[in-house]
């Protein structure tokens, strides 16, 4: 799951830099990066814990 955090941060940074060259594309990358970071912080997509015996 840490891979999605890195991907989210990378998309955020690339999107912010992309705002200088292609504004609408940069906005899309920033939004996708923020969504991935928020989902990671909320714990969505993590594997369920093993049931206790």
PDB file of N, CA and C in Angstrom:
ATOM      1  N   UNK A   1       0.821  -1.194   0.000  1.00  0.00           N
ATOM      2  CA  UNK A   1       0.000   0.000   0.000  1.00  0.00           C
ATOM      3  C   UNK A   1       0.860   1.250   0.000  1.00  0.00           C
ATOM      4  N   UNK A   2       2.082   1.140   0.482  1.00  0.00           N
ATOM      5  CA  UNK A   2       2.955   2.316   0.491  1.00  0.00           C
ATOM      6  C   UNK A   2       3.273   2.768  -0.920  1.00  0.00           C
ATOM      7  N   UNK A   3       3.156   1.867  -1.889  1.00  0.00           N
ATOM      8  CA  UNK A   3       3.376   2.241  -3.283  1.00  0.00           C
ATOM      9  C   UNK A   3       2.357   3.257  -3.755  1.00  0.00           C
ATOM     10  N   UNK A   4       1.121   3.145  -3.271  1.00  0.00           N
ATOM     11  CA  UNK A   4       0.100   4.107  -3.682  1.00  0.00           C
ATOM     12  C   UNK A   4       0.362   5.476  -3.063  1.00  0.00           C
ATOM     13  N   UNK A   5       0.960   5.513  -1.888  1.00  0.00           N
ATOM     14  CA  UNK A   5       1.316   6.794  -1.289  1.00  0.00           C
ATOM     15  C   UNK A   5       2.392   7.470  -2.119  1.00  0.00           C
ATOM     16  N   UNK A   6       3.409   6.715  -2.506  1.00  0.00           N
ATOM     17  CA  UNK A   6       4.462   7.271  -3.355  1.00  0.00           C
ATOM     18  C   UNK A   6       3.919   7.732  -4.691  1.00  0.00           C
ATOM     19  N   UNK A   7       3.010   6.950  -5.268  1.00  0.00           N
ATOM     20  CA  UNK A   7       2.393   7.326  -6.540  1.00  0.00           C
ATOM     21  C   UNK A   7       1.575   8.600  -6.377  1.00  0.00           C
ATOM     22  N   UNK A   8       0.839   8.707  -5.280  1.00  0.00           N
ATOM     23  CA  UNK A   8       0.045   9.908  -5.031  1.00  0.00           C
ATOM     24  C   UNK A   8       0.905  11.144  -4.888  1.00  0.00           C
ATOM     25  N   UNK A   9       2.003  11.027  -4.156  1.00  0.00           N
ATOM     26  CA  UNK A   9       2.910  12.163  -3.978  1.00  0.00           C
ATOM     27  C   UNK A   9       3.565  12.528  -5.305  1.00  0.00           C
ATOM     28  N   UNK A  10       3.971  11.507  -6.076  1.00  0.00           N
ATOM     29  CA  UNK A  10       4.595  11.771  -7.376  1.00  0.00           C
ATOM     30  C   UNK A  10       3.613  12.475  -8.314  1.00  0.00           C
ATOM     31  N   UNK A  11       2.371  12.008  -8.367  1.00  0.00           N
ATOM     32  CA  UNK A  11       1.373  12.652  -9.220  1.00  0.00           C
ATOM     33  C   UNK A  11       1.097  14.076  -8.767  1.00  0.00           C
ATOM     34  N   UNK A  12       1.101  14.297  -7.470  1.00  0.00           N
ATOM     35  CA  UNK A  12       0.886  15.636  -6.944  1.00  0.00           C
ATOM     36  C   UNK A  12       2.003  16.578  -7.397  1.00  0.00           C
ATOM     37  N   UNK A  13       3.233  16.138  -7.268  1.00  0.00           N
ATOM     38  CA  UNK A  13       4.374  16.975  -7.654  1.00  0.00           C
ATOM     39  C   UNK A  13       4.403  17.195  -9.165  1.00  0.00           C
ATOM     40  N   UNK A  14       4.215  16.127  -9.933  1.00  0.00           N
ATOM     41  CA  UNK A  14       4.209  16.258 -11.394  1.00  0.00           C
ATOM     42  C   UNK A  14       3.054  17.148 -11.840  1.00  0.00           C
ATOM     43  N   UNK A  15       1.910  16.998 -11.187  1.00  0.00           N
ATOM     44  CA  UNK A  15       0.763  17.834 -11.528  1.00  0.00           C
ATOM     45  C   UNK A  15       1.009  19.307 -11.238  1.00  0.00           C
ATOM     46  N   UNK A  16       1.643  19.589 -10.105  1.00  0.00           N
ATOM     47  CA  UNK A  16       1.954  20.988  -9.785  1.00  0.00           C
ATOM     48  C   UNK A  16       2.941  21.578 -10.783  1.00  0.00           C
ATOM     49  N   UNK A  17       3.934  20.795 -11.180  1.00  0.00           N
ATOM     50  CA  UNK A  17       4.871  21.271 -12.202  1.00  0.00           C
ATOM     51  C   UNK A  17       4.187  21.361 -13.565  1.00  0.00           C
ATOM     52  N   UNK A  18       3.277  20.430 -13.836  1.00  0.00           N
ATOM     53  CA  UNK A  18       2.568  20.424 -15.105  1.00  0.00           C
ATOM     54  C   UNK A  18       1.629  21.603 -15.270  1.00  0.00           C
ATOM     55  N   UNK A  19       1.215  22.203 -14.162  1.00  0.00           N
ATOM     56  CA  UNK A  19       0.341  23.374 -14.248  1.00  0.00           C
ATOM     57  C   UNK A  19       1.001  24.500 -15.042  1.00  0.00           C
ATOM     58  N   UNK A  20       2.312  24.537 -15.062  1.00  0.00           N
ATOM     59  CA  UNK A  20       3.021  25.587 -15.790  1.00  0.00           C
ATOM     60  C   UNK A  20       2.927  25.398 -17.305  1.00  0.00           C
ATOM     61  N   UNK A  21       2.864  24.142 -17.762  1.00  0.00           N
ATOM     62  CA  UNK A  21       2.943  23.857 -19.193  1.00  0.00           C
ATOM     63  C   UNK A  21       1.598  23.497 -19.813  1.00  0.00           C
ATOM     64  N   UNK A  22       0.800  22.708 -19.137  1.00  0.00           N
ATOM     65  CA  UNK A  22      -0.514  22.319 -19.658  1.00  0.00           C
ATOM     66  C   UNK A  22      -1.497  22.320 -18.487  1.00  0.00           C
ATOM     67  N   UNK A  23      -2.135  23.470 -18.261  1.00  0.00           N
ATOM     68  CA  UNK A  23      -2.931  23.672 -17.045  1.00  0.00           C
ATOM     69  C   UNK A  23      -3.984  22.598 -16.774  1.00  0.00           C
ATOM     70  N   UNK A  24      -4.784  22.197 -17.766  1.00  0.00           N
ATOM     71  CA  UNK A  24      -5.843  21.236 -17.479  1.00  0.00           C
ATOM     72  C   UNK A  24      -5.282  19.860 -17.163  1.00  0.00           C
ATOM     73  N   UNK A  25      -4.217  19.475 -17.842  1.00  0.00           N
ATOM     74  CA  UNK A  25      -3.589  18.189 -17.528  1.00  0.00           C
ATOM     75  C   UNK A  25      -2.984  18.192 -16.137  1.00  0.00           C
ATOM     76  N   UNK A  26      -2.386  19.309 -15.754  1.00  0.00           N
ATOM     77  CA  UNK A  26      -1.806  19.428 -14.419  1.00  0.00           C
ATOM     78  C   UNK A  26      -2.855  19.351 -13.334  1.00  0.00           C
ATOM     79  N   UNK A  27      -3.995  19.965 -13.580  1.00  0.00           N
ATOM     80  CA  UNK A  27      -5.084  19.937 -12.604  1.00  0.00           C
ATOM     81  C   UNK A  27      -5.562  18.502 -12.395  1.00  0.00           C
ATOM     82  N   UNK A  28      -5.680  17.756 -13.479  1.00  0.00           N
ATOM     83  CA  UNK A  28      -6.130  16.365 -13.384  1.00  0.00           C
ATOM     84  C   UNK A  28      -5.139  15.545 -12.555  1.00  0.00           C
ATOM     85  N   UNK A  29      -3.846  15.711 -12.811  1.00  0.00           N
ATOM     86  CA  UNK A  29      -2.840  14.958 -12.067  1.00  0.00           C
ATOM     87  C   UNK A  29      -2.847  15.331 -10.587  1.00  0.00           C
ATOM     88  N   UNK A  30      -3.016  16.612 -10.284  1.00  0.00           N
ATOM     89  CA  UNK A  30      -3.071  17.044  -8.883  1.00  0.00           C
ATOM     90  C   UNK A  30      -4.269  16.418  -8.186  1.00  0.00           C
ATOM     91  N   UNK A  31      -5.418  16.433  -8.840  1.00  0.00           N
ATOM     92  CA  UNK A  31      -6.629  15.874  -8.226  1.00  0.00           C
ATOM     93  C   UNK A  31      -6.468  14.372  -7.990  1.00  0.00           C
ATOM     94  N   UNK A  32      -5.958  13.641  -8.981  1.00  0.00           N
ATOM     95  CA  UNK A  32      -5.761  12.197  -8.825  1.00  0.00           C
ATOM     96  C   UNK A  32      -4.750  11.918  -7.712  1.00  0.00           C
ATOM     97  N   UNK A  33      -3.667  12.685  -7.659  1.00  0.00           N
ATOM     98  CA  UNK A  33      -2.670  12.516  -6.602  1.00  0.00           C
ATOM     99  C   UNK A  33      -3.261  12.757  -5.225  1.00  0.00           C
ATOM    100  N   UNK A  34      -4.075  13.804  -5.091  1.00  0.00           N
ATOM    101  CA  UNK A  34      -4.701  14.091  -3.798  1.00  0.00           C
ATOM    102  C   UNK A  34      -5.678  12.985  -3.401  1.00  0.00           C
ATOM    103  N   UNK A  35      -6.429  12.469  -4.366  1.00  0.00           N
ATOM    104  CA  UNK A  35      -7.363  11.380  -4.059  1.00  0.00           C
ATOM    105  C   UNK A  35      -6.610  10.153  -3.563  1.00  0.00           C
ATOM    106  N   UNK A  36      -5.496   9.799  -4.221  1.00  0.00           N
ATOM    107  CA  UNK A  36      -4.716   8.642  -3.778  1.00  0.00           C
ATOM    108  C   UNK A  36      -4.148   8.833  -2.383  1.00  0.00           C
ATOM    109  N   UNK A  37      -3.657  10.031  -2.101  1.00  0.00           N
ATOM    110  CA  UNK A  37      -3.096  10.303  -0.766  1.00  0.00           C
ATOM    111  C   UNK A  37      -4.191  10.214   0.298  1.00  0.00           C
ATOM    112  N   UNK A  38      -5.349  10.796   0.035  1.00  0.00           N
ATOM    113  CA  UNK A  38      -6.452  10.757   1.006  1.00  0.00           C
ATOM    114  C   UNK A  38      -6.919   9.324   1.228  1.00  0.00           C
ATOM    115  N   UNK A  39      -7.050   8.539   0.154  1.00  0.00           N
ATOM    116  CA  UNK A  39      -7.462   7.145   0.309  1.00  0.00           C
ATOM    117  C   UNK A  39      -6.444   6.364   1.130  1.00  0.00           C
ATOM    118  N   UNK A  40      -5.158   6.645   0.925  1.00  0.00           N
ATOM    119  CA  UNK A  40      -4.123   5.968   1.713  1.00  0.00           C
ATOM    120  C   UNK A  40      -4.252   6.342   3.185  1.00  0.00           C
ATOM    121  N   UNK A  41      -4.450   7.620   3.461  1.00  0.00           N
ATOM    122  CA  UNK A  41      -4.539   8.065   4.846  1.00  0.00           C
ATOM    123  C   UNK A  41      -5.796   7.543   5.545  1.00  0.00           C
ATOM    124  N   UNK A  42      -6.860   7.318   4.776  1.00  0.00           N
ATOM    125  CA  UNK A  42      -8.081   6.769   5.354  1.00  0.00           C
ATOM    126  C   UNK A  42      -8.012   5.260   5.525  1.00  0.00           C
ATOM    127  N   UNK A  43      -7.023   4.632   4.918  1.00  0.00           N
ATOM    128  CA  UNK A  43      -6.848   3.196   5.075  1.00  0.00           C
ATOM    129  C   UNK A  43      -7.649   2.369   4.100  1.00  0.00           C
ATOM    130  N   UNK A  44      -8.191   2.992   3.072  1.00  0.00           N
ATOM    131  CA  UNK A  44      -8.987   2.257   2.084  1.00  0.00           C
ATOM    132  C   UNK A  44      -8.041   1.457   1.197  1.00  0.00           C
ATOM    133  N   UNK A  45      -8.366   0.192   0.994  1.00  0.00           N
ATOM    134  CA  UNK A  45      -7.546  -0.655   0.146  1.00  0.00           C
ATOM    135  C   UNK A  45      -6.569  -1.527   0.912  1.00  0.00           C
ATOM    136  N   UNK A  46      -6.520  -1.363   2.219  1.00  0.00           N
ATOM    137  CA  UNK A  46      -5.625  -2.212   3.017  1.00  0.00           C
ATOM    138  C   UNK A  46      -6.234  -3.600   3.173  1.00  0.00           C
ATOM    139  N   UNK A  47      -5.398  -4.565   3.360  1.00  0.00           N
ATOM    140  CA  UNK A  47      -5.896  -5.916   3.588  1.00  0.00           C
ATOM    141  C   UNK A  47      -6.495  -6.016   4.978  1.00  0.00           C
ATOM    142  N   UNK A  48      -7.505  -6.829   5.077  1.00  0.00           N
ATOM    143  CA  UNK A  48      -8.149  -7.034   6.374  1.00  0.00           C
ATOM    144  C   UNK A  48      -7.200  -7.800   7.293  1.00  0.00           C
ATOM    145  N   UNK A  49      -7.286  -7.538   8.561  1.00  0.00           N
ATOM    146  CA  UNK A  49      -6.463  -8.249   9.518  1.00  0.00           C
ATOM    147  C   UNK A  49      -6.892  -9.690   9.639  1.00  0.00           C
ATOM    148  N   UNK A  50      -5.979 -10.510  10.050  1.00  0.00           N
ATOM    149  CA  UNK A  50      -6.281 -11.945  10.221  1.00  0.00           C
ATOM    150  C   UNK A  50      -7.264 -12.113  11.374  1.00  0.00           C
ATOM    151  N   UNK A  51      -8.219 -13.001  11.235  1.00  0.00           N
ATOM    152  CA  UNK A  51      -9.179 -13.226  12.323  1.00  0.00           C
ATOM    153  C   UNK A  51      -8.473 -13.820  13.554  1.00  0.00           C
ATOM    154  N   UNK A  52      -8.926 -13.361  14.695  1.00  0.00           N
ATOM    155  CA  UNK A  52      -8.326 -13.865  15.949  1.00  0.00           C
ATOM    156  C   UNK A  52      -8.927 -15.219  16.301  1.00  0.00           C
ATOM    157  N   UNK A  53      -8.073 -16.118  16.684  1.00  0.00           N
ATOM    158  CA  UNK A  53      -8.552 -17.467  17.004  1.00  0.00           C
ATOM    159  C   UNK A  53      -8.892 -17.583  18.473  1.00  0.00           C
TER     160      UNK A  53
END
